[in-house]
């Protein structure tokens, strides 16, 4: 293997960094990180605080985030079982960039909506 093969290249189809971009580009992942930035949450707290996410999608997203080392899942041996989630040190490194993207979206939503209206008018003829 050549030295250049060891350097990640997100533009190469087979580069594993593509998976990372898919993960952090997923809206549910970014919203969950935003909620966990404030601290440990139970599953039901996350589901209530992230409007529109289904139980299945929340479970799947948390499982993916746990597999990738972004979230730690803790199960307490109680009846009924209590399960909590919190960001790992790696997951916490995403808080700054994701907060910046959230802030950018809120700051520029008006411009985006205006551009969409102009585009849609042109598309209609």
PDB file of N, CA and C in Angstrom:
ATOM      1  N   UNK A   1       0.838  -1.177   0.000  1.00  0.00           N
ATOM      2  CA  UNK A   1       0.000   0.000   0.000  1.00  0.00           C
ATOM      3  C   UNK A   1       0.882   1.239   0.000  1.00  0.00           C
ATOM      4  N   UNK A   2       0.572   2.170  -0.860  1.00  0.00           N
ATOM      5  CA  UNK A   2       1.346   3.400  -0.939  1.00  0.00           C
ATOM      6  C   UNK A   2       0.984   4.336   0.198  1.00  0.00           C
ATOM      7  N   UNK A   3       1.872   5.252   0.522  1.00  0.00           N
ATOM      8  CA  UNK A   3       1.641   6.234   1.567  1.00  0.00           C
ATOM      9  C   UNK A   3       0.385   7.044   1.290  1.00  0.00           C
ATOM     10  N   UNK A   4       0.150   7.412   0.038  1.00  0.00           N
ATOM     11  CA  UNK A   4      -1.028   8.201  -0.315  1.00  0.00           C
ATOM     12  C   UNK A   4      -2.324   7.462  -0.028  1.00  0.00           C
ATOM     13  N   UNK A   5      -2.291   6.118  -0.005  1.00  0.00           N
ATOM     14  CA  UNK A   5      -3.483   5.328   0.281  1.00  0.00           C
ATOM     15  C   UNK A   5      -3.901   5.462   1.742  1.00  0.00           C
ATOM     16  N   UNK A   6      -3.009   5.881   2.611  1.00  0.00           N
ATOM     17  CA  UNK A   6      -3.306   6.006   4.028  1.00  0.00           C
ATOM     18  C   UNK A   6      -3.893   7.370   4.390  1.00  0.00           C
ATOM     19  N   UNK A   7      -3.813   8.311   3.472  1.00  0.00           N
ATOM     20  CA  UNK A   7      -4.321   9.653   3.721  1.00  0.00           C
ATOM     21  C   UNK A   7      -5.808   9.680   3.348  1.00  0.00           C
ATOM     22  N   UNK A   8      -6.683  10.020   4.324  1.00  0.00           N
ATOM     23  CA  UNK A   8      -8.118  10.053   4.006  1.00  0.00           C
ATOM     24  C   UNK A   8      -8.412  11.057   2.895  1.00  0.00           C
ATOM     25  N   UNK A   9      -9.303  10.663   2.009  1.00  0.00           N
ATOM     26  CA  UNK A   9      -9.723  11.529   0.920  1.00  0.00           C
ATOM     27  C   UNK A   9     -11.244  11.426   0.814  1.00  0.00           C
ATOM     28  N   UNK A  10     -11.960  12.401   1.385  1.00  0.00           N
ATOM     29  CA  UNK A  10     -13.418  12.339   1.416  1.00  0.00           C
ATOM     30  C   UNK A  10     -14.041  12.325   0.028  1.00  0.00           C
ATOM     31  N   UNK A  11     -13.280  12.679  -0.987  1.00  0.00           N
ATOM     32  CA  UNK A  11     -13.807  12.682  -2.345  1.00  0.00           C
ATOM     33  C   UNK A  11     -13.677  11.317  -3.024  1.00  0.00           C
ATOM     34  N   UNK A  12     -12.957  10.392  -2.402  1.00  0.00           N
ATOM     35  CA  UNK A  12     -12.832   9.031  -2.939  1.00  0.00           C
ATOM     36  C   UNK A  12     -14.037   8.213  -2.472  1.00  0.00           C
ATOM     37  N   UNK A  13     -14.636   7.486  -3.382  1.00  0.00           N
ATOM     38  CA  UNK A  13     -15.862   6.734  -3.092  1.00  0.00           C
ATOM     39  C   UNK A  13     -15.697   5.722  -1.958  1.00  0.00           C
ATOM     40  N   UNK A  14     -14.523   5.133  -1.843  1.00  0.00           N
ATOM     41  CA  UNK A  14     -14.327   4.084  -0.842  1.00  0.00           C
ATOM     42  C   UNK A  14     -13.676   4.576   0.451  1.00  0.00           C
ATOM     43  N   UNK A  15     -13.567   5.875   0.631  1.00  0.00           N
ATOM     44  CA  UNK A  15     -12.926   6.418   1.823  1.00  0.00           C
ATOM     45  C   UNK A  15     -13.862   6.284   3.029  1.00  0.00           C
ATOM     46  N   UNK A  16     -13.371   5.725   4.138  1.00  0.00           N
ATOM     47  CA  UNK A  16     -14.228   5.548   5.322  1.00  0.00           C
ATOM     48  C   UNK A  16     -14.709   6.864   5.934  1.00  0.00           C
ATOM     49  N   UNK A  17     -14.059   7.965   5.591  1.00  0.00           N
ATOM     50  CA  UNK A  17     -14.524   9.245   6.122  1.00  0.00           C
ATOM     51  C   UNK A  17     -15.898   9.612   5.560  1.00  0.00           C
ATOM     52  N   UNK A  18     -16.285   8.997   4.462  1.00  0.00           N
ATOM     53  CA  UNK A  18     -17.625   9.236   3.910  1.00  0.00           C
ATOM     54  C   UNK A  18     -18.693   8.819   4.914  1.00  0.00           C
ATOM     55  N   UNK A  19     -18.450   7.717   5.604  1.00  0.00           N
ATOM     56  CA  UNK A  19     -19.393   7.267   6.634  1.00  0.00           C
ATOM     57  C   UNK A  19     -19.525   8.322   7.725  1.00  0.00           C
ATOM     58  N   UNK A  20     -18.414   8.905   8.124  1.00  0.00           N
ATOM     59  CA  UNK A  20     -18.426   9.925   9.173  1.00  0.00           C
ATOM     60  C   UNK A  20     -19.228  11.142   8.699  1.00  0.00           C
ATOM     61  N   UNK A  21     -19.025  11.555   7.467  1.00  0.00           N
ATOM     62  CA  UNK A  21     -19.781  12.686   6.934  1.00  0.00           C
ATOM     63  C   UNK A  21     -21.270  12.375   6.866  1.00  0.00           C
ATOM     64  N   UNK A  22     -21.609  11.148   6.473  1.00  0.00           N
ATOM     65  CA  UNK A  22     -23.017  10.745   6.457  1.00  0.00           C
ATOM     66  C   UNK A  22     -23.612  10.820   7.859  1.00  0.00           C
ATOM     67  N   UNK A  23     -22.852  10.361   8.831  1.00  0.00           N
ATOM     68  CA  UNK A  23     -23.325  10.343  10.209  1.00  0.00           C
ATOM     69  C   UNK A  23     -23.573  11.757  10.727  1.00  0.00           C
ATOM     70  N   UNK A  24     -22.585  12.631  10.600  1.00  0.00           N
ATOM     71  CA  UNK A  24     -22.750  13.969  11.169  1.00  0.00           C
ATOM     72  C   UNK A  24     -23.591  14.877  10.277  1.00  0.00           C
ATOM     73  N   UNK A  25     -23.822  14.461   9.043  1.00  0.00           N
ATOM     74  CA  UNK A  25     -24.707  15.214   8.159  1.00  0.00           C
ATOM     75  C   UNK A  25     -26.164  14.826   8.326  1.00  0.00           C
ATOM     76  N   UNK A  26     -26.432  13.794   9.084  1.00  0.00           N
ATOM     77  CA  UNK A  26     -27.793  13.328   9.323  1.00  0.00           C
ATOM     78  C   UNK A  26     -28.491  14.272  10.299  1.00  0.00           C
ATOM     79  N   UNK A  27     -29.678  14.724   9.944  1.00  0.00           N
ATOM     80  CA  UNK A  27     -30.366  15.703  10.805  1.00  0.00           C
ATOM     81  C   UNK A  27     -30.648  15.166  12.188  1.00  0.00           C
ATOM     82  N   UNK A  28     -30.993  13.873  12.299  1.00  0.00           N
ATOM     83  CA  UNK A  28     -31.310  13.325  13.623  1.00  0.00           C
ATOM     84  C   UNK A  28     -30.067  13.291  14.496  1.00  0.00           C
ATOM     85  N   UNK A  29     -28.944  12.924  13.918  1.00  0.00           N
ATOM     86  CA  UNK A  29     -27.693  12.898  14.685  1.00  0.00           C
ATOM     87  C   UNK A  29     -27.362  14.281  15.216  1.00  0.00           C
ATOM     88  N   UNK A  30     -27.462  15.294  14.366  1.00  0.00           N
ATOM     89  CA  UNK A  30     -27.102  16.639  14.808  1.00  0.00           C
ATOM     90  C   UNK A  30     -28.061  17.137  15.888  1.00  0.00           C
ATOM     91  N   UNK A  31     -29.340  16.818  15.756  1.00  0.00           N
ATOM     92  CA  UNK A  31     -30.305  17.255  16.761  1.00  0.00           C
ATOM     93  C   UNK A  31     -30.100  16.526  18.090  1.00  0.00           C
ATOM     94  N   UNK A  32     -29.784  15.246  18.022  1.00  0.00           N
ATOM     95  CA  UNK A  32     -29.538  14.479  19.246  1.00  0.00           C
ATOM     96  C   UNK A  32     -28.279  14.982  19.948  1.00  0.00           C
ATOM     97  N   UNK A  33     -27.232  15.253  19.189  1.00  0.00           N
ATOM     98  CA  UNK A  33     -26.012  15.809  19.792  1.00  0.00           C
ATOM     99  C   UNK A  33     -26.331  17.132  20.474  1.00  0.00           C
ATOM    100  N   UNK A  34     -27.135  17.957  19.818  1.00  0.00           N
ATOM    101  CA  UNK A  34     -27.533  19.231  20.414  1.00  0.00           C
ATOM    102  C   UNK A  34     -28.254  19.058  21.741  1.00  0.00           C
ATOM    103  N   UNK A  35     -29.096  18.040  21.842  1.00  0.00           N
ATOM    104  CA  UNK A  35     -29.825  17.780  23.089  1.00  0.00           C
ATOM    105  C   UNK A  35     -28.911  17.169  24.153  1.00  0.00           C
ATOM    106  N   UNK A  36     -28.014  16.296  23.744  1.00  0.00           N
ATOM    107  CA  UNK A  36     -27.112  15.661  24.710  1.00  0.00           C
ATOM    108  C   UNK A  36     -25.984  16.587  25.150  1.00  0.00           C
ATOM    109  N   UNK A  37     -25.795  17.677  24.435  1.00  0.00           N
ATOM    110  CA  UNK A  37     -24.765  18.647  24.817  1.00  0.00           C
ATOM    111  C   UNK A  37     -25.041  19.181  26.223  1.00  0.00           C
ATOM    112  N   UNK A  38     -26.312  19.256  26.597  1.00  0.00           N
ATOM    113  CA  UNK A  38     -26.705  19.756  27.920  1.00  0.00           C
ATOM    114  C   UNK A  38     -26.541  18.720  29.023  1.00  0.00           C
ATOM    115  N   UNK A  39     -26.252  17.472  28.664  1.00  0.00           N
ATOM    116  CA  UNK A  39     -26.050  16.440  29.674  1.00  0.00           C
ATOM    117  C   UNK A  39     -26.812  15.164  29.357  1.00  0.00           C
ATOM    118  N   UNK A  40     -26.706  14.229  30.273  1.00  0.00           N
ATOM    119  CA  UNK A  40     -27.299  12.903  30.141  1.00  0.00           C
ATOM    120  C   UNK A  40     -28.820  13.000  30.013  1.00  0.00           C
ATOM    121  N   UNK A  41     -29.374  12.177  29.118  1.00  0.00           N
ATOM    122  CA  UNK A  41     -30.823  12.139  28.906  1.00  0.00           C
ATOM    123  C   UNK A  41     -31.294  10.690  28.816  1.00  0.00           C
ATOM    124  N   UNK A  42     -32.512  10.485  29.259  1.00  0.00           N
ATOM    125  CA  UNK A  42     -33.164   9.188  29.058  1.00  0.00           C
ATOM    126  C   UNK A  42     -33.759   9.173  27.656  1.00  0.00           C
ATOM    127  N   UNK A  43     -34.048   7.979  27.171  1.00  0.00           N
ATOM    128  CA  UNK A  43     -34.601   7.808  25.827  1.00  0.00           C
ATOM    129  C   UNK A  43     -35.862   8.652  25.659  1.00  0.00           C
ATOM    130  N   UNK A  44     -36.780   8.559  26.613  1.00  0.00           N
ATOM    131  CA  UNK A  44     -38.049   9.283  26.507  1.00  0.00           C
ATOM    132  C   UNK A  44     -37.841  10.789  26.515  1.00  0.00           C
ATOM    133  N   UNK A  45     -36.850  11.277  27.240  1.00  0.00           N
ATOM    134  CA  UNK A  45     -36.539  12.717  27.235  1.00  0.00           C
ATOM    135  C   UNK A  45     -36.084  13.161  25.855  1.00  0.00           C
ATOM    136  N   UNK A  46     -35.227  12.339  25.244  1.00  0.00           N
ATOM    137  CA  UNK A  46     -34.750  12.665  23.896  1.00  0.00           C
ATOM    138  C   UNK A  46     -35.900  12.669  22.905  1.00  0.00           C
ATOM    139  N   UNK A  47     -36.760  11.672  22.995  1.00  0.00           N
ATOM    140  CA  UNK A  47     -37.860  11.588  22.042  1.00  0.00           C
ATOM    141  C   UNK A  47     -38.800  12.781  22.191  1.00  0.00           C
ATOM    142  N   UNK A  48     -39.065  13.200  23.404  1.00  0.00           N
ATOM    143  CA  UNK A  48     -39.931  14.367  23.620  1.00  0.00           C
ATOM    144  C   UNK A  48     -39.279  15.667  23.152  1.00  0.00           C
ATOM    145  N   UNK A  49     -37.972  15.755  23.277  1.00  0.00           N
ATOM    146  CA  UNK A  49     -37.291  17.024  22.985  1.00  0.00           C
ATOM    147  C   UNK A  49     -36.878  17.180  21.523  1.00  0.00           C
ATOM    148  N   UNK A  50     -36.961  16.115  20.733  1.00  0.00           N
ATOM    149  CA  UNK A  50     -36.628  16.182  19.304  1.00  0.00           C
ATOM    150  C   UNK A  50     -37.921  15.923  18.527  1.00  0.00           C
ATOM    151  N   UNK A  51     -38.645  16.978  18.272  1.00  0.00           N
ATOM    152  CA  UNK A  51     -39.947  16.864  17.618  1.00  0.00           C
ATOM    153  C   UNK A  51     -39.829  16.167  16.263  1.00  0.00           C
ATOM    154  N   UNK A  52     -40.745  15.228  16.025  1.00  0.00           N
ATOM    155  CA  UNK A  52     -40.820  14.569  14.728  1.00  0.00           C
ATOM    156  C   UNK A  52     -40.044  13.276  14.605  1.00  0.00           C
ATOM    157  N   UNK A  53     -39.203  12.949  15.583  1.00  0.00           N
ATOM    158  CA  UNK A  53     -38.426  11.713  15.480  1.00  0.00           C
ATOM    159  C   UNK A  53     -39.265  10.547  16.019  1.00  0.00           C
ATOM    160  N   UNK A  54     -39.294   9.472  15.265  1.00  0.00           N
ATOM    161  CA  UNK A  54     -40.034   8.286  15.709  1.00  0.00           C
ATOM    162  C   UNK A  54     -39.178   7.490  16.692  1.00  0.00           C
ATOM    163  N   UNK A  55     -39.823   6.629  17.429  1.00  0.00           N
ATOM    164  CA  UNK A  55     -39.109   5.772  18.374  1.00  0.00           C
ATOM    165  C   UNK A  55     -38.092   4.906  17.635  1.00  0.00           C
ATOM    166  N   UNK A  56     -38.499   4.372  16.489  1.00  0.00           N
ATOM    167  CA  UNK A  56     -37.606   3.531  15.690  1.00  0.00           C
ATOM    168  C   UNK A  56     -36.380   4.304  15.200  1.00  0.00           C
ATOM    169  N   UNK A  57     -36.609   5.518  14.700  1.00  0.00           N
ATOM    170  CA  UNK A  57     -35.496   6.323  14.174  1.00  0.00           C
ATOM    171  C   UNK A  57     -34.567   6.759  15.299  1.00  0.00           C
ATOM    172  N   UNK A  58     -35.128   7.106  16.466  1.00  0.00           N
ATOM    173  CA  UNK A  58     -34.297   7.490  17.596  1.00  0.00           C
ATOM    174  C   UNK A  58     -33.441   6.309  18.037  1.00  0.00           C
ATOM    175  N   UNK A  59     -34.043   5.136  18.137  1.00  0.00           N
ATOM    176  CA  UNK A  59     -33.287   3.935  18.520  1.00  0.00           C
ATOM    177  C   UNK A  59     -32.162   3.653  17.539  1.00  0.00           C
ATOM    178  N   UNK A  60     -32.485   3.714  16.255  1.00  0.00           N
ATOM    179  CA  UNK A  60     -31.492   3.424  15.209  1.00  0.00           C
ATOM    180  C   UNK A  60     -30.365   4.453  15.239  1.00  0.00           C
ATOM    181  N   UNK A  61     -30.701   5.720  15.382  1.00  0.00           N
ATOM    182  CA  UNK A  61     -29.688   6.773  15.384  1.00  0.00           C
ATOM    183  C   UNK A  61     -28.791   6.658  16.611  1.00  0.00           C
ATOM    184  N   UNK A  62     -29.381   6.415  17.776  1.00  0.00           N
ATOM    185  CA  UNK A  62     -28.581   6.245  18.991  1.00  0.00           C
ATOM    186  C   UNK A  62     -27.669   5.028  18.885  1.00  0.00           C
ATOM    187  N   UNK A  63     -28.167   3.950  18.310  1.00  0.00           N
ATOM    188  CA  UNK A  63     -27.360   2.742  18.125  1.00  0.00           C
ATOM    189  C   UNK A  63     -26.166   3.035  17.209  1.00  0.00           C
ATOM    190  N   UNK A  64     -26.412   3.754  16.106  1.00  0.00           N
ATOM    191  CA  UNK A  64     -25.323   4.120  15.193  1.00  0.00           C
ATOM    192  C   UNK A  64     -24.309   5.028  15.883  1.00  0.00           C
ATOM    193  N   UNK A  65     -24.805   5.979  16.660  1.00  0.00           N
ATOM    194  CA  UNK A  65     -23.917   6.899  17.355  1.00  0.00           C
ATOM    195  C   UNK A  65     -23.100   6.173  18.419  1.00  0.00           C
ATOM    196  N   UNK A  66     -23.708   5.190  19.067  1.00  0.00           N
ATOM    197  CA  UNK A  66     -22.979   4.389  20.053  1.00  0.00           C
ATOM    198  C   UNK A  66     -21.902   3.553  19.357  1.00  0.00           C
ATOM    199  N   UNK A  67     -22.245   2.938  18.256  1.00  0.00           N
ATOM    200  CA  UNK A  67     -21.286   2.124  17.500  1.00  0.00           C
ATOM    201  C   UNK A  67     -20.079   2.952  17.063  1.00  0.00           C
ATOM    202  N   UNK A  68     -20.333   4.200  16.694  1.00  0.00           N
ATOM    203  CA  UNK A  68     -19.265   5.076  16.218  1.00  0.00           C
ATOM    204  C   UNK A  68     -18.533   5.805  17.340  1.00  0.00           C
ATOM    205  N   UNK A  69     -18.904   5.522  18.577  1.00  0.00           N
ATOM    206  CA  UNK A  69     -18.175   6.082  19.709  1.00  0.00           C
ATOM    207  C   UNK A  69     -18.571   7.494  20.098  1.00  0.00           C
ATOM    208  N   UNK A  70     -19.736   7.959  19.629  1.00  0.00           N
ATOM    209  CA  UNK A  70     -20.177   9.317  19.940  1.00  0.00           C
ATOM    210  C   UNK A  70     -21.052   9.386  21.185  1.00  0.00           C
ATOM    211  N   UNK A  71     -21.727   8.277  21.476  1.00  0.00           N
ATOM    212  CA  UNK A  71     -22.680   8.227  22.583  1.00  0.00           C
ATOM    213  C   UNK A  71     -22.382   7.009  23.447  1.00  0.00           C
ATOM    214  N   UNK A  72     -22.554   7.171  24.744  1.00  0.00           N
ATOM    215  CA  UNK A  72     -22.432   6.063  25.702  1.00  0.00           C
ATOM    216  C   UNK A  72     -23.826   5.762  26.220  1.00  0.00           C
ATOM    217  N   UNK A  73     -24.202   4.505  26.169  1.00  0.00           N
ATOM    218  CA  UNK A  73     -25.507   4.033  26.653  1.00  0.00           C
ATOM    219  C   UNK A  73     -25.279   3.312  27.972  1.00  0.00           C
ATOM    220  N   UNK A  74     -26.022   3.724  29.001  1.00  0.00           N
ATOM    221  CA  UNK A  74     -25.898   3.090  30.313  1.00  0.00           C
ATOM    222  C   UNK A  74     -27.254   2.525  30.713  1.00  0.00           C
ATOM    223  N   UNK A  75     -27.264   1.234  31.028  1.00  0.00           N
ATOM    224  CA  UNK A  75     -28.487   0.553  31.471  1.00  0.00           C
ATOM    225  C   UNK A  75     -28.365   0.293  32.958  1.00  0.00           C
ATOM    226  N   UNK A  76     -29.373   0.723  33.708  1.00  0.00           N
ATOM    227  CA  UNK A  76     -29.392   0.513  35.154  1.00  0.00           C
ATOM    228  C   UNK A  76     -30.315  -0.656  35.467  1.00  0.00           C
ATOM    229  N   UNK A  77     -29.858  -1.581  36.321  1.00  0.00           N
ATOM    230  CA  UNK A  77     -30.650  -2.781  36.630  1.00  0.00           C
ATOM    231  C   UNK A  77     -31.795  -2.457  37.606  1.00  0.00           C
ATOM    232  N   UNK A  78     -32.802  -1.828  37.085  1.00  0.00           N
ATOM    233  CA  UNK A  78     -33.978  -1.469  37.869  1.00  0.00           C
ATOM    234  C   UNK A  78     -35.206  -2.038  37.185  1.00  0.00           C
ATOM    235  N   UNK A  79     -36.321  -2.013  37.878  1.00  0.00           N
ATOM    236  CA  UNK A  79     -37.584  -2.437  37.281  1.00  0.00           C
ATOM    237  C   UNK A  79     -38.522  -1.241  37.311  1.00  0.00           C
ATOM    238  N   UNK A  80     -38.935  -0.708  36.173  1.00  0.00           N
ATOM    239  CA  UNK A  80     -38.461  -1.057  34.829  1.00  0.00           C
ATOM    240  C   UNK A  80     -37.035  -0.555  34.617  1.00  0.00           C
ATOM    241  N   UNK A  81     -36.323  -1.149  33.657  1.00  0.00           N
ATOM    242  CA  UNK A  81     -34.939  -0.749  33.415  1.00  0.00           C
ATOM    243  C   UNK A  81     -34.864   0.728  33.026  1.00  0.00           C
ATOM    244  N   UNK A  82     -33.838   1.387  33.531  1.00  0.00           N
ATOM    245  CA  UNK A  82     -33.594   2.793  33.189  1.00  0.00           C
ATOM    246  C   UNK A  82     -32.380   2.818  32.255  1.00  0.00           C
ATOM    247  N   UNK A  83     -32.530   3.489  31.127  1.00  0.00           N
ATOM    248  CA  UNK A  83     -31.456   3.596  30.141  1.00  0.00           C
ATOM    249  C   UNK A  83     -31.180   5.078  29.918  1.00  0.00           C
ATOM    250  N   UNK A  84     -29.913   5.439  30.013  1.00  0.00           N
ATOM    251  CA  UNK A  84     -29.512   6.827  29.809  1.00  0.00           C
ATOM    252  C   UNK A  84     -28.428   6.914  28.745  1.00  0.00           C
ATOM    253  N   UNK A  85     -28.395   8.064  28.100  1.00  0.00           N
ATOM    254  CA  UNK A  85     -27.426   8.315  27.041  1.00  0.00           C
ATOM    255  C   UNK A  85     -26.682   9.611  27.344  1.00  0.00           C
ATOM    256  N   UNK A  86     -25.400   9.603  27.057  1.00  0.00           N
ATOM    257  CA  UNK A  86     -24.615  10.835  27.158  1.00  0.00           C
ATOM    258  C   UNK A  86     -23.516  10.811  26.103  1.00  0.00           C
ATOM    259  N   UNK A  87     -23.049  11.998  25.766  1.00  0.00           N
ATOM    260  CA  UNK A  87     -21.980  12.106  24.772  1.00  0.00           C
ATOM    261  C   UNK A  87     -20.667  11.604  25.361  1.00  0.00           C
ATOM    262  N   UNK A  88     -19.901  10.929  24.544  1.00  0.00           N
ATOM    263  CA  UNK A  88     -18.540  10.556  24.914  1.00  0.00           C
ATOM    264  C   UNK A  88     -17.645  11.774  24.678  1.00  0.00           C
ATOM    265  N   UNK A  89     -16.394  11.653  25.057  1.00  0.00           N
ATOM    266  CA  UNK A  89     -15.438  12.742  24.791  1.00  0.00           C
ATOM    267  C   UNK A  89     -15.373  13.015  23.282  1.00  0.00           C
ATOM    268  N   UNK A  90     -15.405  11.962  22.481  1.00  0.00           N
ATOM    269  CA  UNK A  90     -15.397  12.127  21.022  1.00  0.00           C
ATOM    270  C   UNK A  90     -16.654  12.843  20.563  1.00  0.00           C
ATOM    271  N   UNK A  91     -17.807  12.443  21.085  1.00  0.00           N
ATOM    272  CA  UNK A  91     -19.065  13.092  20.727  1.00  0.00           C
ATOM    273  C   UNK A  91     -19.074  14.562  21.089  1.00  0.00           C
ATOM    274  N   UNK A  92     -18.470  14.889  22.231  1.00  0.00           N
ATOM    275  CA  UNK A  92     -18.423  16.289  22.667  1.00  0.00           C
ATOM    276  C   UNK A  92     -17.629  17.171  21.707  1.00  0.00           C
ATOM    277  N   UNK A  93     -16.686  16.573  20.977  1.00  0.00           N
ATOM    278  CA  UNK A  93     -15.904  17.375  20.026  1.00  0.00           C
ATOM    279  C   UNK A  93     -16.764  17.877  18.870  1.00  0.00           C
ATOM    280  N   UNK A  94     -17.940  17.284  18.675  1.00  0.00           N
ATOM    281  CA  UNK A  94     -18.833  17.728  17.605  1.00  0.00           C
ATOM    282  C   UNK A  94     -19.755  18.864  18.030  1.00  0.00           C
ATOM    283  N   UNK A  95     -19.840  19.152  19.318  1.00  0.00           N
ATOM    284  CA  UNK A  95     -20.776  20.170  19.802  1.00  0.00           C
ATOM    285  C   UNK A  95     -20.514  21.534  19.181  1.00  0.00           C
ATOM    286  N   UNK A  96     -19.281  21.968  19.160  1.00  0.00           N
ATOM    287  CA  UNK A  96     -18.956  23.278  18.586  1.00  0.00           C
ATOM    288  C   UNK A  96     -19.323  23.388  17.118  1.00  0.00           C
ATOM    289  N   UNK A  97     -18.849  22.467  16.278  1.00  0.00           N
ATOM    290  CA  UNK A  97     -19.198  22.550  14.858  1.00  0.00           C
ATOM    291  C   UNK A  97     -20.707  22.447  14.602  1.00  0.00           C
ATOM    292  N   UNK A  98     -21.394  21.579  15.329  1.00  0.00           N
ATOM    293  CA  UNK A  98     -22.830  21.419  15.108  1.00  0.00           C
ATOM    294  C   UNK A  98     -23.593  22.644  15.595  1.00  0.00           C
ATOM    295  N   UNK A  99     -23.182  23.223  16.712  1.00  0.00           N
ATOM    296  CA  UNK A  99     -23.813  24.463  17.180  1.00  0.00           C
ATOM    297  C   UNK A  99     -23.618  25.568  16.145  1.00  0.00           C
ATOM    298  N   UNK A 100     -22.434  25.630  15.549  1.00  0.00           N
ATOM    299  CA  UNK A 100     -22.176  26.639  14.520  1.00  0.00           C
ATOM    300  C   UNK A 100     -23.101  26.435  13.321  1.00  0.00           C
ATOM    301  N   UNK A 101     -23.326  25.207  12.917  1.00  0.00           N
ATOM    302  CA  UNK A 101     -24.224  24.925  11.788  1.00  0.00           C
ATOM    303  C   UNK A 101     -25.661  25.275  12.156  1.00  0.00           C
ATOM    304  N   UNK A 102     -26.099  24.898  13.370  1.00  0.00           N
ATOM    305  CA  UNK A 102     -27.449  25.253  13.821  1.00  0.00           C
ATOM    306  C   UNK A 102     -27.623  26.778  13.800  1.00  0.00           C
ATOM    307  N   UNK A 103     -26.636  27.499  14.339  1.00  0.00           N
ATOM    308  CA  UNK A 103     -26.706  28.965  14.368  1.00  0.00           C
ATOM    309  C   UNK A 103     -26.742  29.549  12.960  1.00  0.00           C
ATOM    310  N   UNK A 104     -25.935  28.990  12.065  1.00  0.00           N
ATOM    311  CA  UNK A 104     -25.922  29.455  10.678  1.00  0.00           C
ATOM    312  C   UNK A 104     -27.307  29.270  10.059  1.00  0.00           C
ATOM    313  N   UNK A 105     -27.913  28.104  10.284  1.00  0.00           N
ATOM    314  CA  UNK A 105     -29.238  27.822   9.715  1.00  0.00           C
ATOM    315  C   UNK A 105     -30.278  28.819  10.236  1.00  0.00           C
ATOM    316  N   UNK A 106     -30.250  29.101  11.532  1.00  0.00           N
ATOM    317  CA  UNK A 106     -31.217  30.045  12.109  1.00  0.00           C
ATOM    318  C   UNK A 106     -30.973  31.466  11.603  1.00  0.00           C
ATOM    319  N   UNK A 107     -29.714  31.824  11.433  1.00  0.00           N
ATOM    320  CA  UNK A 107     -29.363  33.169  10.979  1.00  0.00           C
ATOM    321  C   UNK A 107     -29.743  33.407   9.515  1.00  0.00           C
ATOM    322  N   UNK A 108     -29.676  32.375   8.699  1.00  0.00           N
ATOM    323  CA  UNK A 108     -29.859  32.538   7.255  1.00  0.00           C
ATOM    324  C   UNK A 108     -31.154  31.951   6.712  1.00  0.00           C
ATOM    325  N   UNK A 109     -32.047  31.473   7.581  1.00  0.00           N
ATOM    326  CA  UNK A 109     -33.275  30.840   7.093  1.00  0.00           C
ATOM    327  C   UNK A 109     -34.102  31.792   6.231  1.00  0.00           C
ATOM    328  N   UNK A 110     -34.152  33.066   6.597  1.00  0.00           N
ATOM    329  CA  UNK A 110     -34.913  34.036   5.805  1.00  0.00           C
ATOM    330  C   UNK A 110     -34.378  34.163   4.387  1.00  0.00           C
ATOM    331  N   UNK A 111     -33.054  34.219   4.250  1.00  0.00           N
ATOM    332  CA  UNK A 111     -32.441  34.323   2.930  1.00  0.00           C
ATOM    333  C   UNK A 111     -32.699  33.069   2.103  1.00  0.00           C
ATOM    334  N   UNK A 112     -32.646  31.931   2.754  1.00  0.00           N
ATOM    335  CA  UNK A 112     -32.880  30.662   2.048  1.00  0.00           C
ATOM    336  C   UNK A 112     -34.320  30.574   1.574  1.00  0.00           C
ATOM    337  N   UNK A 113     -35.252  30.938   2.455  1.00  0.00           N
ATOM    338  CA  UNK A 113     -36.660  30.903   2.060  1.00  0.00           C
ATOM    339  C   UNK A 113     -36.945  31.881   0.929  1.00  0.00           C
ATOM    340  N   UNK A 114     -36.322  33.057   0.964  1.00  0.00           N
ATOM    341  CA  UNK A 114     -36.497  34.031  -0.117  1.00  0.00           C
ATOM    342  C   UNK A 114     -35.955  33.472  -1.434  1.00  0.00           C
ATOM    343  N   UNK A 115     -34.786  32.848  -1.386  1.00  0.00           N
ATOM    344  CA  UNK A 115     -34.204  32.246  -2.588  1.00  0.00           C
ATOM    345  C   UNK A 115     -35.099  31.133  -3.121  1.00  0.00           C
ATOM    346  N   UNK A 116     -35.680  30.347  -2.239  1.00  0.00           N
ATOM    347  CA  UNK A 116     -36.581  29.272  -2.661  1.00  0.00           C
ATOM    348  C   UNK A 116     -37.812  29.834  -3.374  1.00  0.00           C
ATOM    349  N   UNK A 117     -38.348  30.923  -2.844  1.00  0.00           N
ATOM    350  CA  UNK A 117     -39.526  31.542  -3.456  1.00  0.00           C
ATOM    351  C   UNK A 117     -39.193  32.068  -4.850  1.00  0.00           C
ATOM    352  N   UNK A 118     -38.039  32.707  -4.993  1.00  0.00           N
ATOM    353  CA  UNK A 118     -37.617  33.208  -6.304  1.00  0.00           C
ATOM    354  C   UNK A 118     -37.449  32.039  -7.272  1.00  0.00           C
ATOM    355  N   UNK A 119     -36.796  31.002  -6.836  1.00  0.00           N
ATOM    356  CA  UNK A 119     -36.584  29.830  -7.689  1.00  0.00           C
ATOM    357  C   UNK A 119     -37.907  29.210  -8.097  1.00  0.00           C
ATOM    358  N   UNK A 120     -38.802  29.024  -7.120  1.00  0.00           N
ATOM    359  CA  UNK A 120     -40.095  28.392  -7.407  1.00  0.00           C
ATOM    360  C   UNK A 120     -40.924  29.227  -8.378  1.00  0.00           C
ATOM    361  N   UNK A 121     -40.863  30.555  -8.278  1.00  0.00           N
ATOM    362  CA  UNK A 121     -41.569  31.426  -9.212  1.00  0.00           C
ATOM    363  C   UNK A 121     -41.037  31.233 -10.622  1.00  0.00           C
ATOM    364  N   UNK A 122     -39.708  31.189 -10.762  1.00  0.00           N
ATOM    365  CA  UNK A 122     -39.085  30.997 -12.073  1.00  0.00           C
ATOM    366  C   UNK A 122     -39.464  29.625 -12.638  1.00  0.00           C
ATOM    367  N   UNK A 123     -39.490  28.621 -11.793  1.00  0.00           N
ATOM    368  CA  UNK A 123     -39.789  27.263 -12.248  1.00  0.00           C
ATOM    369  C   UNK A 123     -41.228  27.135 -12.749  1.00  0.00           C
ATOM    370  N   UNK A 124     -42.125  27.921 -12.181  1.00  0.00           N
ATOM    371  CA  UNK A 124     -43.529  27.884 -12.608  1.00  0.00           C
ATOM    372  C   UNK A 124     -43.750  28.587 -13.946  1.00  0.00           C
ATOM    373  N   UNK A 125     -42.805  29.373 -14.315  1.00  0.00           N
ATOM    374  CA  UNK A 125     -42.929  29.968 -15.636  1.00  0.00           C
ATOM    375  C   UNK A 125     -43.029  31.405 -15.630  1.00  0.00           C
TER     376      UNK A 125
END
